[in-house]
Amino acid sequence: MNVELGGGTLGLEDFVDDFYELDGFADTSYFETLERHGIDTSEGIDSCDIDHGDIDLIRACITWCVRGDRFCDGLLAAQARSGFLDRCLSRLKELDEG
């Protein structure tokens, strides 16, 4: 499974490696951050308003996807297939450029 970002593709294993190499990017309190944004993680996070999310929400969502895959094999790939991960990365890019 690959993730498309900025016209290129990145394998999910490479994505996870890069995620952990970005010192300070992972939200170590992502459950609290999601809760603060009104997200009920018991049903997943697909209902998140990513298009209007701030950097904290986007970091928490990406962290939730990556960390969740450690406990539920295939979660990250499912989030990539559904387009959720791509929407997170696109919003992150928007915030970075803004």
N, C-alpha and C. Protein backbone atom coordinates (compact mmCIF):
# COMPACT_ATOMS: atom_id res chain seq x y z
N MET A 1 0.85 -1.18 0.00
CA MET A 1 0.00 0.00 0.00
C MET A 1 0.89 1.23 0.00
N ASN A 2 0.57 2.20 -0.84
CA ASN A 2 1.32 3.43 -0.93
C ASN A 2 0.45 4.62 -0.58
N VAL A 3 1.06 5.68 -0.09
CA VAL A 3 0.40 6.93 0.21
C VAL A 3 0.90 7.95 -0.79
N GLU A 4 -0.02 8.70 -1.39
CA GLU A 4 0.39 9.73 -2.34
C GLU A 4 0.49 11.05 -1.61
N LEU A 5 1.58 11.76 -1.83
CA LEU A 5 1.78 13.06 -1.20
C LEU A 5 2.61 13.92 -2.11
N GLY A 6 2.08 15.05 -2.49
CA GLY A 6 2.83 15.99 -3.31
C GLY A 6 3.24 15.44 -4.65
N GLY A 7 2.41 14.60 -5.24
CA GLY A 7 2.70 14.07 -6.55
C GLY A 7 3.56 12.81 -6.52
N GLY A 8 4.09 12.44 -5.37
CA GLY A 8 4.90 11.23 -5.26
C GLY A 8 4.18 10.19 -4.42
N THR A 9 4.76 9.03 -4.32
CA THR A 9 4.16 8.00 -3.48
C THR A 9 5.18 7.53 -2.45
N LEU A 10 4.66 7.04 -1.38
CA LEU A 10 5.48 6.58 -0.27
C LEU A 10 4.85 5.30 0.25
N GLY A 11 5.62 4.23 0.35
CA GLY A 11 5.11 3.00 0.92
C GLY A 11 4.76 3.21 2.38
N LEU A 12 3.77 2.49 2.87
CA LEU A 12 3.33 2.67 4.25
C LEU A 12 4.44 2.35 5.25
N GLU A 13 5.26 1.36 4.96
CA GLU A 13 6.37 1.06 5.87
C GLU A 13 7.34 2.23 5.94
N ASP A 14 7.62 2.83 4.78
CA ASP A 14 8.49 4.01 4.75
C ASP A 14 7.83 5.18 5.46
N PHE A 15 6.52 5.32 5.29
CA PHE A 15 5.78 6.38 5.96
C PHE A 15 5.91 6.26 7.47
N VAL A 16 5.72 5.06 7.97
CA VAL A 16 5.82 4.82 9.42
C VAL A 16 7.24 5.11 9.90
N ASP A 17 8.24 4.66 9.15
CA ASP A 17 9.63 4.94 9.52
C ASP A 17 9.88 6.44 9.59
N ASP A 18 9.42 7.16 8.56
CA ASP A 18 9.60 8.61 8.53
C ASP A 18 8.84 9.29 9.66
N PHE A 19 7.66 8.79 9.96
CA PHE A 19 6.85 9.34 11.05
C PHE A 19 7.64 9.30 12.37
N TYR A 20 8.24 8.16 12.66
CA TYR A 20 8.97 8.02 13.91
C TYR A 20 10.30 8.78 13.90
N GLU A 21 10.83 9.06 12.73
CA GLU A 21 12.08 9.82 12.64
C GLU A 21 11.86 11.33 12.80
N LEU A 22 10.63 11.80 12.62
CA LEU A 22 10.33 13.23 12.77
C LEU A 22 10.23 13.55 14.25
N ASP A 23 11.35 13.92 14.82
CA ASP A 23 11.42 14.20 16.24
C ASP A 23 10.40 15.28 16.63
N GLY A 24 9.52 14.94 17.57
CA GLY A 24 8.56 15.90 18.07
C GLY A 24 7.25 15.97 17.29
N PHE A 25 7.12 15.21 16.19
CA PHE A 25 5.88 15.28 15.42
C PHE A 25 4.77 14.44 16.05
N ALA A 26 5.10 13.24 16.51
CA ALA A 26 4.08 12.37 17.10
C ALA A 26 3.47 13.04 18.32
N ASP A 27 2.16 12.95 18.43
CA ASP A 27 1.44 13.51 19.57
C ASP A 27 1.34 12.42 20.64
N THR A 28 2.16 12.52 21.67
CA THR A 28 2.20 11.47 22.69
C THR A 28 0.92 11.46 23.54
N SER A 29 0.13 12.49 23.47
CA SER A 29 -1.16 12.51 24.19
C SER A 29 -2.31 12.66 23.18
N TYR A 30 -2.20 11.87 22.11
CA TYR A 30 -3.16 12.02 21.01
C TYR A 30 -4.60 11.71 21.42
N PHE A 31 -4.82 10.79 22.36
CA PHE A 31 -6.20 10.52 22.80
C PHE A 31 -6.80 11.77 23.45
N GLU A 32 -6.02 12.44 24.28
CA GLU A 32 -6.50 13.66 24.93
C GLU A 32 -6.74 14.78 23.91
N THR A 33 -5.85 14.87 22.93
CA THR A 33 -6.01 15.89 21.89
C THR A 33 -7.29 15.63 21.09
N LEU A 34 -7.51 14.39 20.71
CA LEU A 34 -8.73 14.06 19.96
C LEU A 34 -9.96 14.34 20.80
N GLU A 35 -9.91 13.99 22.07
CA GLU A 35 -11.04 14.24 22.97
C GLU A 35 -11.30 15.74 23.09
N ARG A 36 -10.25 16.52 23.20
CA ARG A 36 -10.37 17.97 23.30
C ARG A 36 -11.05 18.57 22.06
N HIS A 37 -10.86 17.89 20.92
CA HIS A 37 -11.49 18.34 19.67
C HIS A 37 -12.86 17.70 19.45
N GLY A 38 -13.35 16.98 20.46
CA GLY A 38 -14.68 16.40 20.39
C GLY A 38 -14.77 15.12 19.58
N ILE A 39 -13.67 14.42 19.41
CA ILE A 39 -13.64 13.19 18.63
C ILE A 39 -13.79 11.98 19.54
N ASP A 40 -14.79 11.14 19.25
CA ASP A 40 -15.01 9.90 19.99
C ASP A 40 -14.26 8.79 19.26
N THR A 41 -13.14 8.36 19.81
CA THR A 41 -12.30 7.38 19.13
C THR A 41 -12.85 5.97 19.19
N SER A 42 -13.89 5.73 19.97
CA SER A 42 -14.44 4.37 20.06
C SER A 42 -15.07 3.92 18.73
N GLU A 43 -15.45 4.87 17.91
CA GLU A 43 -16.03 4.56 16.60
C GLU A 43 -15.07 4.88 15.46
N GLY A 44 -13.79 5.08 15.77
CA GLY A 44 -12.82 5.50 14.76
C GLY A 44 -12.75 7.01 14.72
N ILE A 45 -12.04 7.53 13.74
CA ILE A 45 -11.90 8.99 13.66
C ILE A 45 -12.27 9.53 12.28
N ASP A 46 -12.94 8.72 11.49
CA ASP A 46 -13.31 9.13 10.13
C ASP A 46 -14.20 10.36 10.10
N SER A 47 -14.90 10.64 11.19
CA SER A 47 -15.81 11.78 11.22
C SER A 47 -15.09 13.10 11.52
N CYS A 48 -13.79 13.05 11.75
CA CYS A 48 -13.02 14.27 12.03
C CYS A 48 -13.15 15.26 10.88
N ASP A 49 -13.28 16.52 11.22
CA ASP A 49 -13.31 17.57 10.20
C ASP A 49 -11.88 17.97 9.87
N ILE A 50 -11.22 17.11 9.13
CA ILE A 50 -9.82 17.31 8.77
C ILE A 50 -9.62 18.58 7.96
N ASP A 51 -10.56 18.88 7.08
CA ASP A 51 -10.40 20.02 6.18
C ASP A 51 -10.28 21.35 6.91
N HIS A 52 -10.76 21.42 8.15
CA HIS A 52 -10.68 22.64 8.93
C HIS A 52 -9.87 22.47 10.21
N GLY A 53 -9.19 21.31 10.34
CA GLY A 53 -8.46 21.01 11.55
C GLY A 53 -7.19 21.82 11.70
N ASP A 54 -6.82 22.05 12.95
CA ASP A 54 -5.57 22.74 13.23
C ASP A 54 -4.44 21.71 13.28
N ILE A 55 -3.23 22.19 13.45
CA ILE A 55 -2.06 21.31 13.43
C ILE A 55 -2.13 20.25 14.53
N ASP A 56 -2.65 20.62 15.69
CA ASP A 56 -2.75 19.66 16.78
C ASP A 56 -3.67 18.50 16.42
N LEU A 57 -4.81 18.80 15.81
CA LEU A 57 -5.74 17.75 15.41
C LEU A 57 -5.13 16.85 14.34
N ILE A 58 -4.46 17.44 13.38
CA ILE A 58 -3.87 16.65 12.29
C ILE A 58 -2.78 15.73 12.84
N ARG A 59 -1.92 16.26 13.70
CA ARG A 59 -0.87 15.44 14.31
C ARG A 59 -1.48 14.29 15.11
N ALA A 60 -2.54 14.58 15.87
CA ALA A 60 -3.20 13.55 16.67
C ALA A 60 -3.83 12.48 15.78
N CYS A 61 -4.44 12.88 14.69
CA CYS A 61 -5.06 11.91 13.78
C CYS A 61 -4.02 11.01 13.12
N ILE A 62 -2.94 11.60 12.67
CA ILE A 62 -1.88 10.79 12.05
C ILE A 62 -1.26 9.86 13.09
N THR A 63 -1.04 10.36 14.29
CA THR A 63 -0.49 9.52 15.36
C THR A 63 -1.45 8.38 15.68
N TRP A 64 -2.75 8.68 15.75
CA TRP A 64 -3.76 7.65 16.01
C TRP A 64 -3.69 6.55 14.96
N CYS A 65 -3.56 6.93 13.70
CA CYS A 65 -3.48 5.95 12.60
C CYS A 65 -2.23 5.08 12.73
N VAL A 66 -1.10 5.71 12.96
CA VAL A 66 0.16 4.96 13.03
C VAL A 66 0.20 4.08 14.28
N ARG A 67 -0.11 4.65 15.42
CA ARG A 67 -0.06 3.88 16.67
C ARG A 67 -1.14 2.80 16.69
N GLY A 68 -2.31 3.13 16.16
CA GLY A 68 -3.40 2.17 16.13
C GLY A 68 -3.07 0.93 15.33
N ASP A 69 -2.24 1.10 14.31
CA ASP A 69 -1.85 -0.03 13.47
C ASP A 69 -1.01 -1.04 14.24
N ARG A 70 -0.36 -0.61 15.29
CA ARG A 70 0.43 -1.53 16.11
C ARG A 70 -0.47 -2.49 16.87
N PHE A 71 -1.68 -2.05 17.17
CA PHE A 71 -2.62 -2.86 17.95
C PHE A 71 -3.70 -3.50 17.09
N CYS A 72 -3.95 -2.92 15.95
CA CYS A 72 -4.97 -3.43 15.03
C CYS A 72 -4.34 -3.47 13.63
N ASP A 73 -3.71 -4.59 13.32
CA ASP A 73 -2.99 -4.74 12.06
C ASP A 73 -3.89 -4.42 10.87
N GLY A 74 -3.42 -3.53 10.02
CA GLY A 74 -4.17 -3.15 8.84
C GLY A 74 -4.92 -1.84 8.97
N LEU A 75 -4.93 -1.26 10.18
CA LEU A 75 -5.64 0.00 10.38
C LEU A 75 -5.07 1.12 9.53
N LEU A 76 -3.76 1.24 9.50
CA LEU A 76 -3.13 2.30 8.72
C LEU A 76 -3.44 2.14 7.23
N ALA A 77 -3.37 0.93 6.74
CA ALA A 77 -3.68 0.68 5.32
C ALA A 77 -5.14 1.00 5.03
N ALA A 78 -6.03 0.67 5.95
CA ALA A 78 -7.46 0.98 5.77
C ALA A 78 -7.67 2.49 5.73
N GLN A 79 -6.96 3.23 6.60
CA GLN A 79 -7.09 4.69 6.62
C GLN A 79 -6.51 5.30 5.34
N ALA A 80 -5.48 4.67 4.81
CA ALA A 80 -4.90 5.13 3.54
C ALA A 80 -5.87 4.85 2.39
N ARG A 81 -6.45 3.65 2.37
CA ARG A 81 -7.39 3.29 1.30
C ARG A 81 -8.64 4.17 1.31
N SER A 82 -9.09 4.52 2.49
CA SER A 82 -10.31 5.33 2.60
C SER A 82 -10.07 6.79 2.22
N GLY A 83 -8.80 7.18 2.13
CA GLY A 83 -8.48 8.57 1.80
C GLY A 83 -8.27 9.45 3.02
N PHE A 84 -8.54 8.90 4.21
CA PHE A 84 -8.40 9.69 5.43
C PHE A 84 -6.97 10.16 5.64
N LEU A 85 -6.03 9.26 5.49
CA LEU A 85 -4.62 9.62 5.70
C LEU A 85 -4.18 10.66 4.68
N ASP A 86 -4.60 10.51 3.44
CA ASP A 86 -4.27 11.49 2.40
C ASP A 86 -4.85 12.86 2.73
N ARG A 87 -6.07 12.89 3.26
CA ARG A 87 -6.69 14.16 3.65
C ARG A 87 -5.91 14.81 4.80
N CYS A 88 -5.43 13.98 5.73
CA CYS A 88 -4.61 14.51 6.83
C CYS A 88 -3.32 15.13 6.29
N LEU A 89 -2.67 14.41 5.39
CA LEU A 89 -1.40 14.89 4.84
C LEU A 89 -1.60 16.14 3.98
N SER A 90 -2.70 16.19 3.24
CA SER A 90 -2.99 17.37 2.43
C SER A 90 -3.24 18.58 3.33
N ARG A 91 -3.99 18.37 4.43
CA ARG A 91 -4.25 19.47 5.36
C ARG A 91 -2.95 19.90 6.04
N LEU A 92 -2.11 18.96 6.38
CA LEU A 92 -0.82 19.29 6.97
C LEU A 92 0.00 20.16 6.03
N LYS A 93 -0.02 19.81 4.76
CA LYS A 93 0.69 20.61 3.76
C LYS A 93 0.11 22.02 3.65
N GLU A 94 -1.23 22.12 3.67
CA GLU A 94 -1.88 23.44 3.64
C GLU A 94 -1.44 24.29 4.83
N LEU A 95 -1.45 23.69 6.01
CA LEU A 95 -1.07 24.41 7.22
C LEU A 95 0.39 24.84 7.17
N ASP A 96 1.23 23.99 6.61
CA ASP A 96 2.65 24.30 6.50
C ASP A 96 2.89 25.47 5.54
N GLU A 97 2.11 25.51 4.47
CA GLU A 97 2.28 26.57 3.47
C GLU A 97 1.62 27.88 3.89
N GLY A 98 0.68 27.78 4.84
CA GLY A 98 -0.08 28.97 5.26
C GLY A 98 0.54 29.76 6.31
